[in-house]
């Protein structure tokens, strides 16, 4: 990736400040997909615990990997395979790792999490379920299909809406060509 001179200066300063911090190194390895580093720090040297949660937010590494930028599929798979983590753990906001994957539009992460047993119906503190976040990636019908196959509730109401997911999509996006297949697929599960 090519960075501007300003971005390079910021990255250099961040490295100067946090370069020796193991958690920062893990965050960087998560972003770059450095599985060898993750295996070393978590499994071999055991410098950090792969099952640790942040104190205030209650984030596991599965939550953290998609907070700011989408993590590569290999990183998601690493934590699923080695973390012995609750795939449906909710943080202090009620968000699961699947919520964060959907929010960051990380389709590959969503697929890995769903295949590992993530529940598309767990509401966060605002009543939003991962299934309702499909609007951020309407072209990814494979994710929608897997969510629906895993029991995704197209009739879920969020705390703020007077209509369910399917009716909301029909109301606002029925004329949008990219959403027509989404609506059609959801109607099969209505």
N, C-alpha and C. Protein backbone atom coordinates (compact mmCIF):
# COMPACT_ATOMS: atom_id res chain seq x y z
N UNK A 1 0.84 -1.17 0.00
CA UNK A 1 0.00 0.00 0.00
C UNK A 1 0.89 1.24 0.00
N UNK A 2 0.54 2.21 -0.81
CA UNK A 2 1.32 3.43 -0.90
C UNK A 2 0.67 4.50 -0.02
N UNK A 3 1.50 5.13 0.83
CA UNK A 3 1.02 6.15 1.74
C UNK A 3 1.56 7.51 1.34
N UNK A 4 0.80 8.55 1.66
CA UNK A 4 1.28 9.91 1.45
C UNK A 4 2.40 10.19 2.44
N UNK A 5 3.16 11.24 2.20
CA UNK A 5 4.25 11.60 3.12
C UNK A 5 3.71 11.91 4.51
N UNK A 6 2.55 12.54 4.55
CA UNK A 6 1.92 12.86 5.84
C UNK A 6 1.54 11.58 6.58
N UNK A 7 0.93 10.62 5.86
CA UNK A 7 0.56 9.34 6.47
C UNK A 7 1.79 8.58 6.93
N UNK A 8 2.85 8.61 6.12
CA UNK A 8 4.09 7.93 6.50
C UNK A 8 4.66 8.51 7.79
N UNK A 9 4.57 9.83 7.94
CA UNK A 9 5.07 10.48 9.15
C UNK A 9 4.25 10.05 10.37
N UNK A 10 2.95 9.97 10.19
CA UNK A 10 2.08 9.54 11.29
C UNK A 10 2.38 8.09 11.65
N UNK A 11 2.51 7.23 10.65
CA UNK A 11 2.81 5.82 10.91
C UNK A 11 4.16 5.66 11.60
N UNK A 12 5.13 6.45 11.19
CA UNK A 12 6.45 6.39 11.82
C UNK A 12 6.35 6.80 13.30
N UNK A 13 5.59 7.85 13.57
CA UNK A 13 5.43 8.31 14.95
C UNK A 13 4.70 7.26 15.80
N UNK A 14 3.69 6.66 15.25
CA UNK A 14 2.97 5.60 15.96
C UNK A 14 3.93 4.46 16.29
N UNK A 15 4.75 4.09 15.32
CA UNK A 15 5.71 3.01 15.55
C UNK A 15 6.72 3.39 16.63
N UNK A 16 7.14 4.65 16.65
CA UNK A 16 8.07 5.12 17.69
C UNK A 16 7.44 5.01 19.07
N UNK A 17 6.17 5.35 19.16
CA UNK A 17 5.48 5.35 20.45
C UNK A 17 5.08 3.95 20.92
N UNK A 18 4.63 3.13 19.99
CA UNK A 18 4.02 1.85 20.37
C UNK A 18 4.70 0.62 19.78
N UNK A 19 5.76 0.81 19.04
CA UNK A 19 6.40 -0.30 18.32
C UNK A 19 6.80 -1.48 19.18
N UNK A 20 7.10 -1.26 20.45
CA UNK A 20 7.50 -2.36 21.32
C UNK A 20 6.34 -2.91 22.15
N UNK A 21 5.17 -2.36 21.98
CA UNK A 21 4.00 -2.81 22.73
C UNK A 21 3.43 -4.06 22.06
N UNK A 22 3.36 -5.19 22.78
CA UNK A 22 2.88 -6.44 22.17
C UNK A 22 1.47 -6.33 21.58
N UNK A 23 0.57 -5.63 22.27
CA UNK A 23 -0.79 -5.50 21.73
C UNK A 23 -0.80 -4.70 20.43
N UNK A 24 -0.01 -3.65 20.37
CA UNK A 24 0.08 -2.88 19.13
C UNK A 24 0.66 -3.75 18.02
N UNK A 25 1.64 -4.57 18.34
CA UNK A 25 2.22 -5.46 17.35
C UNK A 25 1.18 -6.46 16.85
N UNK A 26 0.33 -6.95 17.74
CA UNK A 26 -0.74 -7.86 17.33
C UNK A 26 -1.73 -7.13 16.44
N UNK A 27 -2.09 -5.92 16.79
CA UNK A 27 -3.02 -5.14 15.96
C UNK A 27 -2.45 -4.99 14.56
N UNK A 28 -1.17 -4.70 14.47
CA UNK A 28 -0.52 -4.57 13.16
C UNK A 28 -0.50 -5.91 12.42
N UNK A 29 -0.19 -7.00 13.14
CA UNK A 29 -0.19 -8.32 12.51
C UNK A 29 -1.60 -8.71 12.04
N UNK A 30 -2.61 -8.33 12.81
CA UNK A 30 -4.00 -8.59 12.40
C UNK A 30 -4.30 -7.87 11.10
N UNK A 31 -3.86 -6.64 10.99
CA UNK A 31 -4.14 -5.83 9.81
C UNK A 31 -3.41 -6.37 8.58
N UNK A 32 -2.17 -6.82 8.78
CA UNK A 32 -1.34 -7.25 7.65
C UNK A 32 -1.46 -8.74 7.35
N UNK A 33 -2.10 -9.49 8.24
CA UNK A 33 -2.25 -10.92 8.02
C UNK A 33 -1.02 -11.73 8.36
N UNK A 34 -0.23 -11.26 9.30
CA UNK A 34 1.01 -11.94 9.69
C UNK A 34 0.72 -13.08 10.68
N UNK A 35 0.31 -14.21 10.14
CA UNK A 35 -0.07 -15.36 10.96
C UNK A 35 1.12 -15.91 11.73
N UNK A 36 2.30 -15.90 11.14
CA UNK A 36 3.49 -16.38 11.86
C UNK A 36 3.71 -15.59 13.14
N UNK A 37 3.56 -14.28 13.07
CA UNK A 37 3.72 -13.46 14.26
C UNK A 37 2.65 -13.80 15.30
N UNK A 38 1.40 -13.95 14.86
CA UNK A 38 0.31 -14.27 15.78
C UNK A 38 0.54 -15.62 16.46
N UNK A 39 0.97 -16.60 15.69
CA UNK A 39 1.27 -17.91 16.28
C UNK A 39 2.37 -17.79 17.32
N UNK A 40 3.38 -17.00 17.01
CA UNK A 40 4.51 -16.84 17.92
C UNK A 40 4.09 -16.16 19.22
N UNK A 41 3.39 -15.03 19.13
CA UNK A 41 3.07 -14.24 20.32
C UNK A 41 2.00 -14.90 21.20
N UNK A 42 1.05 -15.62 20.56
CA UNK A 42 -0.04 -16.24 21.31
C UNK A 42 0.22 -17.71 21.67
N UNK A 43 0.75 -18.48 20.74
CA UNK A 43 0.81 -19.93 20.91
C UNK A 43 2.18 -20.44 21.34
N UNK A 44 3.24 -19.85 20.82
CA UNK A 44 4.58 -20.35 21.15
C UNK A 44 5.15 -19.66 22.38
N UNK A 45 5.36 -18.35 22.28
CA UNK A 45 5.95 -17.61 23.40
C UNK A 45 4.92 -17.26 24.47
N UNK A 46 3.67 -17.25 24.10
CA UNK A 46 2.56 -16.93 25.03
C UNK A 46 2.79 -15.61 25.76
N UNK A 47 3.19 -14.61 24.98
CA UNK A 47 3.40 -13.27 25.53
C UNK A 47 2.06 -12.64 25.89
N UNK A 48 1.06 -12.90 25.07
CA UNK A 48 -0.30 -12.43 25.32
C UNK A 48 -1.24 -13.63 25.32
N UNK A 49 -2.37 -13.46 25.98
CA UNK A 49 -3.39 -14.50 25.99
C UNK A 49 -4.36 -14.27 24.83
N UNK A 50 -4.55 -15.30 24.04
CA UNK A 50 -5.45 -15.19 22.90
C UNK A 50 -6.91 -15.03 23.35
N UNK A 51 -7.20 -15.45 24.57
CA UNK A 51 -8.58 -15.37 25.07
C UNK A 51 -8.84 -14.15 25.95
N UNK A 52 -7.87 -13.25 26.04
CA UNK A 52 -8.03 -12.05 26.87
C UNK A 52 -9.13 -11.14 26.33
N UNK A 53 -9.80 -10.47 27.26
CA UNK A 53 -10.81 -9.46 26.91
C UNK A 53 -10.33 -8.10 27.39
N UNK A 54 -10.67 -7.06 26.64
CA UNK A 54 -10.37 -5.72 27.13
C UNK A 54 -11.24 -5.46 28.35
N UNK A 55 -10.71 -4.70 29.28
CA UNK A 55 -11.38 -4.53 30.57
C UNK A 55 -12.72 -3.80 30.45
N UNK A 56 -12.72 -2.65 29.81
CA UNK A 56 -13.95 -1.86 29.80
C UNK A 56 -14.93 -2.29 28.71
N UNK A 57 -14.43 -2.57 27.50
CA UNK A 57 -15.34 -2.89 26.39
C UNK A 57 -15.72 -4.36 26.32
N UNK A 58 -14.91 -5.22 26.96
CA UNK A 58 -15.11 -6.67 26.87
C UNK A 58 -14.94 -7.18 25.45
N UNK A 59 -13.96 -6.62 24.74
CA UNK A 59 -13.66 -7.06 23.38
C UNK A 59 -12.70 -8.23 23.42
N UNK A 60 -13.03 -9.28 22.68
CA UNK A 60 -12.08 -10.36 22.43
C UNK A 60 -11.29 -9.95 21.18
N UNK A 61 -10.29 -10.76 20.84
CA UNK A 61 -9.57 -10.47 19.60
C UNK A 61 -10.48 -10.61 18.40
N UNK A 62 -11.51 -11.46 18.48
CA UNK A 62 -12.46 -11.57 17.37
C UNK A 62 -13.25 -10.28 17.18
N UNK A 63 -13.52 -9.56 18.25
CA UNK A 63 -14.17 -8.25 18.13
C UNK A 63 -13.18 -7.24 17.54
N UNK A 64 -11.99 -7.23 18.08
CA UNK A 64 -11.01 -6.19 17.77
C UNK A 64 -10.49 -6.22 16.34
N UNK A 65 -10.48 -7.39 15.70
CA UNK A 65 -9.86 -7.49 14.38
C UNK A 65 -10.62 -6.73 13.30
N UNK A 66 -11.86 -6.40 13.52
CA UNK A 66 -12.62 -5.65 12.52
C UNK A 66 -13.12 -4.31 13.04
N UNK A 67 -12.54 -3.81 14.11
CA UNK A 67 -12.99 -2.53 14.67
C UNK A 67 -12.76 -1.37 13.73
N UNK A 68 -11.55 -1.25 13.22
CA UNK A 68 -11.19 -0.09 12.40
C UNK A 68 -11.06 -0.42 10.93
N UNK A 69 -10.39 -1.52 10.64
CA UNK A 69 -10.21 -1.93 9.25
C UNK A 69 -10.50 -3.43 9.15
N UNK A 70 -10.97 -3.87 8.01
CA UNK A 70 -11.26 -5.29 7.86
C UNK A 70 -9.99 -6.13 7.91
N UNK A 71 -10.01 -7.17 8.72
CA UNK A 71 -8.88 -8.09 8.81
C UNK A 71 -8.96 -9.12 7.69
N UNK A 72 -7.81 -9.62 7.23
CA UNK A 72 -7.82 -10.67 6.21
C UNK A 72 -8.49 -11.95 6.72
N UNK A 73 -9.02 -12.72 5.80
CA UNK A 73 -9.70 -13.97 6.12
C UNK A 73 -8.80 -14.89 6.94
N UNK A 74 -7.51 -14.93 6.60
CA UNK A 74 -6.59 -15.82 7.32
C UNK A 74 -6.50 -15.47 8.80
N UNK A 75 -6.61 -14.20 9.11
CA UNK A 75 -6.55 -13.76 10.51
C UNK A 75 -7.82 -14.19 11.25
N UNK A 76 -8.97 -14.02 10.62
CA UNK A 76 -10.23 -14.44 11.22
C UNK A 76 -10.16 -15.95 11.50
N UNK A 77 -9.71 -16.69 10.50
CA UNK A 77 -9.63 -18.14 10.63
C UNK A 77 -8.65 -18.53 11.74
N UNK A 78 -7.55 -17.80 11.89
CA UNK A 78 -6.58 -18.07 12.95
C UNK A 78 -7.26 -18.01 14.32
N UNK A 79 -7.99 -16.94 14.58
CA UNK A 79 -8.64 -16.79 15.89
C UNK A 79 -9.75 -17.81 16.10
N UNK A 80 -10.48 -18.13 15.05
CA UNK A 80 -11.53 -19.15 15.16
C UNK A 80 -10.90 -20.51 15.47
N UNK A 81 -9.80 -20.83 14.81
CA UNK A 81 -9.16 -22.14 14.99
C UNK A 81 -8.41 -22.27 16.31
N UNK A 82 -7.80 -21.19 16.78
CA UNK A 82 -6.90 -21.30 17.93
C UNK A 82 -7.37 -20.58 19.19
N UNK A 83 -8.37 -19.76 19.06
CA UNK A 83 -8.73 -18.90 20.18
C UNK A 83 -9.60 -19.50 21.25
N UNK A 84 -10.31 -20.58 20.94
CA UNK A 84 -11.26 -21.13 21.90
C UNK A 84 -12.14 -20.01 22.46
N UNK A 85 -12.57 -19.13 21.55
CA UNK A 85 -13.34 -17.94 21.92
C UNK A 85 -14.82 -18.17 21.66
N UNK A 86 -15.65 -17.51 22.44
CA UNK A 86 -17.09 -17.55 22.22
C UNK A 86 -17.39 -16.74 20.96
N UNK A 87 -17.79 -17.42 19.91
CA UNK A 87 -18.03 -16.79 18.61
C UNK A 87 -19.17 -15.77 18.69
N UNK A 88 -20.06 -15.92 19.68
CA UNK A 88 -21.21 -15.03 19.84
C UNK A 88 -21.08 -14.10 21.04
N UNK A 89 -19.87 -13.96 21.57
CA UNK A 89 -19.68 -13.09 22.74
C UNK A 89 -20.08 -11.66 22.42
N UNK A 90 -20.79 -11.05 23.35
CA UNK A 90 -21.22 -9.66 23.19
C UNK A 90 -20.33 -8.75 24.04
N UNK A 91 -19.96 -7.62 23.45
CA UNK A 91 -19.17 -6.64 24.19
C UNK A 91 -20.09 -5.73 24.99
N UNK A 92 -19.56 -4.67 25.54
CA UNK A 92 -20.37 -3.78 26.38
C UNK A 92 -21.48 -3.07 25.60
N UNK A 93 -21.41 -3.10 24.28
CA UNK A 93 -22.43 -2.49 23.43
C UNK A 93 -23.41 -3.54 22.88
N UNK A 94 -23.21 -4.78 23.30
CA UNK A 94 -24.04 -5.86 22.79
C UNK A 94 -23.62 -6.36 21.42
N UNK A 95 -22.49 -5.87 20.94
CA UNK A 95 -22.00 -6.23 19.60
C UNK A 95 -21.23 -7.55 19.66
N UNK A 96 -21.48 -8.39 18.67
CA UNK A 96 -20.74 -9.64 18.52
C UNK A 96 -19.66 -9.45 17.45
N UNK A 97 -18.73 -10.39 17.33
CA UNK A 97 -17.76 -10.29 16.24
C UNK A 97 -18.44 -10.19 14.87
N UNK A 98 -19.59 -10.85 14.70
CA UNK A 98 -20.30 -10.77 13.42
C UNK A 98 -20.83 -9.35 13.17
N UNK A 99 -21.28 -8.67 14.20
CA UNK A 99 -21.69 -7.26 14.03
C UNK A 99 -20.52 -6.45 13.46
N UNK A 100 -19.34 -6.62 14.06
CA UNK A 100 -18.18 -5.84 13.62
C UNK A 100 -17.74 -6.22 12.21
N UNK A 101 -17.84 -7.49 11.86
CA UNK A 101 -17.50 -7.91 10.50
C UNK A 101 -18.46 -7.26 9.50
N UNK A 102 -19.74 -7.25 9.83
CA UNK A 102 -20.73 -6.64 8.94
C UNK A 102 -20.54 -5.13 8.87
N UNK A 103 -20.27 -4.49 10.01
CA UNK A 103 -20.08 -3.04 10.02
C UNK A 103 -18.87 -2.63 9.19
N UNK A 104 -17.81 -3.43 9.23
CA UNK A 104 -16.61 -3.09 8.46
C UNK A 104 -16.69 -3.60 7.02
N UNK A 105 -17.83 -4.18 6.67
CA UNK A 105 -18.07 -4.72 5.33
C UNK A 105 -17.03 -5.76 4.96
N UNK A 106 -16.67 -6.58 5.95
CA UNK A 106 -15.69 -7.64 5.75
C UNK A 106 -16.43 -8.94 5.47
N UNK A 107 -16.75 -9.14 4.21
CA UNK A 107 -17.55 -10.29 3.79
C UNK A 107 -16.88 -11.61 4.14
N UNK A 108 -15.58 -11.69 3.92
CA UNK A 108 -14.87 -12.95 4.21
C UNK A 108 -14.91 -13.27 5.70
N UNK A 109 -14.77 -12.25 6.53
CA UNK A 109 -14.86 -12.46 7.98
C UNK A 109 -16.25 -12.95 8.36
N UNK A 110 -17.27 -12.34 7.79
CA UNK A 110 -18.65 -12.75 8.08
C UNK A 110 -18.87 -14.21 7.71
N UNK A 111 -18.35 -14.62 6.57
CA UNK A 111 -18.50 -16.02 6.15
C UNK A 111 -17.81 -16.97 7.12
N UNK A 112 -16.58 -16.65 7.50
CA UNK A 112 -15.84 -17.51 8.44
C UNK A 112 -16.59 -17.59 9.77
N UNK A 113 -17.05 -16.45 10.26
CA UNK A 113 -17.75 -16.43 11.55
C UNK A 113 -19.07 -17.22 11.48
N UNK A 114 -19.81 -17.03 10.41
CA UNK A 114 -21.07 -17.77 10.25
C UNK A 114 -20.82 -19.27 10.15
N UNK A 115 -19.80 -19.65 9.40
CA UNK A 115 -19.48 -21.08 9.28
C UNK A 115 -19.01 -21.66 10.61
N UNK A 116 -18.48 -20.82 11.48
CA UNK A 116 -18.03 -21.27 12.80
C UNK A 116 -19.15 -21.23 13.85
N UNK A 117 -20.35 -20.82 13.44
CA UNK A 117 -21.48 -20.85 14.35
C UNK A 117 -22.00 -19.52 14.82
N UNK A 118 -21.55 -18.41 14.23
CA UNK A 118 -22.06 -17.10 14.64
C UNK A 118 -23.56 -17.01 14.37
N UNK A 119 -24.26 -16.40 15.31
CA UNK A 119 -25.71 -16.26 15.24
C UNK A 119 -26.06 -14.91 14.61
N UNK A 120 -26.80 -14.91 13.49
CA UNK A 120 -27.15 -13.65 12.83
C UNK A 120 -28.30 -12.90 13.48
N UNK A 121 -28.83 -13.42 14.60
CA UNK A 121 -30.01 -12.82 15.24
C UNK A 121 -29.74 -12.18 16.59
N UNK A 122 -28.50 -12.06 17.02
CA UNK A 122 -28.22 -11.50 18.34
C UNK A 122 -28.31 -9.97 18.26
N UNK A 123 -29.21 -9.36 19.04
CA UNK A 123 -29.34 -7.90 18.98
C UNK A 123 -28.28 -7.20 19.83
N UNK A 124 -27.82 -6.06 19.33
CA UNK A 124 -26.93 -5.22 20.14
C UNK A 124 -27.78 -4.32 21.03
N UNK A 125 -27.17 -3.37 21.72
CA UNK A 125 -27.93 -2.52 22.66
C UNK A 125 -29.00 -1.68 21.97
N UNK A 126 -28.90 -1.51 20.66
CA UNK A 126 -29.90 -0.75 19.91
C UNK A 126 -30.90 -1.66 19.20
N UNK A 127 -30.80 -2.96 19.47
CA UNK A 127 -31.71 -3.90 18.84
C UNK A 127 -31.33 -4.29 17.43
N UNK A 128 -30.15 -3.91 16.97
CA UNK A 128 -29.70 -4.22 15.62
C UNK A 128 -29.07 -5.61 15.61
N UNK A 129 -29.51 -6.45 14.68
CA UNK A 129 -28.93 -7.78 14.53
C UNK A 129 -28.02 -7.79 13.29
N UNK A 130 -27.05 -8.68 13.25
CA UNK A 130 -26.16 -8.73 12.08
C UNK A 130 -26.90 -8.86 10.75
N UNK A 131 -27.97 -9.65 10.72
CA UNK A 131 -28.73 -9.80 9.47
C UNK A 131 -29.20 -8.45 8.94
N UNK A 132 -29.61 -7.56 9.82
CA UNK A 132 -30.12 -6.26 9.37
C UNK A 132 -29.03 -5.38 8.78
N UNK A 133 -27.77 -5.78 8.95
CA UNK A 133 -26.65 -4.99 8.43
C UNK A 133 -26.26 -5.41 7.02
N UNK A 134 -27.01 -6.31 6.40
CA UNK A 134 -26.71 -6.78 5.04
C UNK A 134 -26.80 -5.64 4.04
N UNK A 135 -27.49 -4.57 4.38
CA UNK A 135 -27.59 -3.42 3.49
C UNK A 135 -26.25 -2.79 3.15
N UNK A 136 -25.23 -3.03 3.97
CA UNK A 136 -23.90 -2.53 3.68
C UNK A 136 -23.17 -3.33 2.62
N UNK A 137 -23.65 -4.55 2.36
CA UNK A 137 -23.05 -5.43 1.35
C UNK A 137 -24.14 -6.17 0.58
N UNK A 138 -25.09 -5.45 -0.03
CA UNK A 138 -26.22 -6.14 -0.65
C UNK A 138 -25.83 -7.07 -1.79
N UNK A 139 -24.67 -6.85 -2.37
CA UNK A 139 -24.23 -7.70 -3.48
C UNK A 139 -23.74 -9.07 -3.00
N UNK A 140 -23.53 -9.22 -1.69
CA UNK A 140 -23.01 -10.48 -1.15
C UNK A 140 -24.16 -11.40 -0.73
N UNK A 141 -24.81 -11.94 -1.74
CA UNK A 141 -25.94 -12.84 -1.49
C UNK A 141 -25.51 -14.13 -0.80
N UNK A 142 -24.23 -14.50 -0.93
CA UNK A 142 -23.75 -15.69 -0.25
C UNK A 142 -23.81 -15.52 1.27
N UNK A 143 -23.51 -14.32 1.73
CA UNK A 143 -23.60 -14.04 3.17
C UNK A 143 -25.06 -14.05 3.61
N UNK A 144 -25.90 -13.38 2.84
CA UNK A 144 -27.33 -13.36 3.16
C UNK A 144 -27.88 -14.79 3.20
N UNK A 145 -27.55 -15.59 2.21
CA UNK A 145 -28.05 -16.96 2.16
C UNK A 145 -27.61 -17.74 3.40
N UNK A 146 -26.34 -17.60 3.78
CA UNK A 146 -25.85 -18.32 4.95
C UNK A 146 -26.54 -17.84 6.23
N UNK A 147 -26.76 -16.52 6.34
CA UNK A 147 -27.48 -16.00 7.51
C UNK A 147 -28.89 -16.56 7.57
N UNK A 148 -29.55 -16.59 6.44
CA UNK A 148 -30.91 -17.11 6.40
C UNK A 148 -30.93 -18.61 6.69
N UNK A 149 -29.97 -19.34 6.16
CA UNK A 149 -29.87 -20.77 6.44
C UNK A 149 -29.61 -21.04 7.92
N UNK A 150 -28.97 -20.09 8.59
CA UNK A 150 -28.67 -20.23 10.02
C UNK A 150 -29.80 -19.66 10.88
N UNK A 151 -30.96 -19.40 10.26
CA UNK A 151 -32.13 -18.96 11.02
C UNK A 151 -32.31 -17.46 11.11
N UNK A 152 -31.64 -16.71 10.24
CA UNK A 152 -31.79 -15.25 10.25
C UNK A 152 -33.25 -14.84 10.18
N UNK A 153 -33.65 -13.95 11.07
CA UNK A 153 -35.05 -13.53 11.22
C UNK A 153 -35.32 -12.27 10.40
N UNK A 154 -35.94 -12.43 9.24
CA UNK A 154 -36.24 -11.29 8.37
C UNK A 154 -37.33 -10.40 8.96
N UNK A 155 -38.00 -10.87 10.00
CA UNK A 155 -39.07 -10.09 10.63
C UNK A 155 -38.63 -9.42 11.93
N UNK A 156 -37.34 -9.35 12.16
CA UNK A 156 -36.82 -8.70 13.38
C UNK A 156 -37.06 -7.19 13.31
N UNK A 157 -37.52 -6.64 14.42
CA UNK A 157 -37.70 -5.20 14.57
C UNK A 157 -36.55 -4.66 15.41
N UNK A 158 -35.90 -3.58 14.97
CA UNK A 158 -34.92 -2.93 15.83
C UNK A 158 -35.66 -2.01 16.78
N UNK A 159 -34.97 -1.52 17.77
CA UNK A 159 -35.61 -0.66 18.77
C UNK A 159 -36.20 0.61 18.18
N UNK A 160 -35.62 1.10 17.08
CA UNK A 160 -36.09 2.37 16.53
C UNK A 160 -37.11 2.22 15.39
N UNK A 161 -37.25 1.03 14.84
CA UNK A 161 -38.08 0.86 13.65
C UNK A 161 -39.47 0.34 13.98
N UNK A 162 -40.41 0.80 13.18
CA UNK A 162 -41.77 0.31 13.30
C UNK A 162 -42.04 -0.78 12.28
N UNK A 163 -41.05 -1.04 11.41
CA UNK A 163 -41.18 -2.12 10.44
C UNK A 163 -40.02 -3.08 10.62
N UNK A 164 -40.22 -4.32 10.18
CA UNK A 164 -39.15 -5.31 10.31
C UNK A 164 -38.12 -5.13 9.19
N UNK A 165 -37.09 -5.97 9.22
CA UNK A 165 -35.99 -5.84 8.25
C UNK A 165 -36.50 -5.92 6.82
N UNK A 166 -37.26 -6.96 6.52
CA UNK A 166 -37.75 -7.16 5.16
C UNK A 166 -38.64 -6.00 4.72
N UNK A 167 -39.58 -5.60 5.55
CA UNK A 167 -40.47 -4.50 5.17
C UNK A 167 -39.71 -3.18 5.02
N UNK A 168 -38.69 -2.97 5.82
CA UNK A 168 -37.87 -1.76 5.69
C UNK A 168 -37.15 -1.75 4.35
N UNK A 169 -36.56 -2.88 3.98
CA UNK A 169 -35.88 -2.96 2.68
C UNK A 169 -36.87 -2.74 1.54
N UNK A 170 -38.05 -3.32 1.65
CA UNK A 170 -39.06 -3.14 0.60
C UNK A 170 -39.50 -1.67 0.52
N UNK A 171 -39.66 -1.05 1.67
CA UNK A 171 -40.13 0.33 1.72
C UNK A 171 -39.13 1.30 1.08
N UNK A 172 -37.85 1.12 1.39
CA UNK A 172 -36.84 2.09 0.97
C UNK A 172 -36.01 1.67 -0.24
N UNK A 173 -35.95 0.38 -0.55
CA UNK A 173 -35.02 -0.07 -1.58
C UNK A 173 -35.64 -0.97 -2.65
N UNK A 174 -36.95 -1.06 -2.72
CA UNK A 174 -37.58 -1.99 -3.66
C UNK A 174 -37.30 -1.63 -5.12
N UNK A 175 -37.00 -0.38 -5.41
CA UNK A 175 -36.71 0.04 -6.78
C UNK A 175 -35.22 0.03 -7.10
N UNK A 176 -34.39 -0.27 -6.11
CA UNK A 176 -32.93 -0.28 -6.28
C UNK A 176 -32.51 -1.66 -6.79
N UNK A 177 -31.94 -1.71 -7.98
CA UNK A 177 -31.60 -3.00 -8.60
C UNK A 177 -30.69 -3.87 -7.74
N UNK A 178 -29.79 -3.26 -6.99
CA UNK A 178 -28.87 -4.06 -6.17
C UNK A 178 -29.59 -4.73 -5.00
N UNK A 179 -30.71 -4.17 -4.57
CA UNK A 179 -31.45 -4.74 -3.45
C UNK A 179 -32.57 -5.71 -3.87
N UNK A 180 -32.93 -5.70 -5.12
CA UNK A 180 -34.02 -6.60 -5.57
C UNK A 180 -33.73 -8.07 -5.26
N UNK A 181 -32.50 -8.57 -5.53
CA UNK A 181 -32.23 -9.97 -5.18
C UNK A 181 -32.23 -10.22 -3.67
N UNK A 182 -31.82 -9.22 -2.90
CA UNK A 182 -31.82 -9.34 -1.43
C UNK A 182 -33.26 -9.51 -0.95
N UNK A 183 -34.13 -8.65 -1.43
CA UNK A 183 -35.54 -8.70 -1.04
C UNK A 183 -36.17 -10.02 -1.47
N UNK A 184 -35.87 -10.44 -2.70
CA UNK A 184 -36.44 -11.70 -3.21
C UNK A 184 -35.99 -12.88 -2.35
N UNK A 185 -34.72 -12.91 -1.98
CA UNK A 185 -34.22 -14.01 -1.16
C UNK A 185 -34.85 -13.98 0.23
N UNK A 186 -34.97 -12.79 0.81
CA UNK A 186 -35.57 -12.68 2.14
C UNK A 186 -37.04 -13.09 2.12
N UNK A 187 -37.74 -12.77 1.04
CA UNK A 187 -39.16 -13.13 0.95
C UNK A 187 -39.37 -14.64 1.00
N UNK A 188 -38.38 -15.40 0.54
CA UNK A 188 -38.49 -16.86 0.60
C UNK A 188 -38.45 -17.37 2.05
N UNK A 189 -37.93 -16.55 2.95
CA UNK A 189 -37.81 -16.93 4.36
C UNK A 189 -38.82 -16.20 5.24
N UNK A 190 -39.73 -15.46 4.61
CA UNK A 190 -40.70 -14.68 5.37
C UNK A 190 -41.80 -15.56 5.92
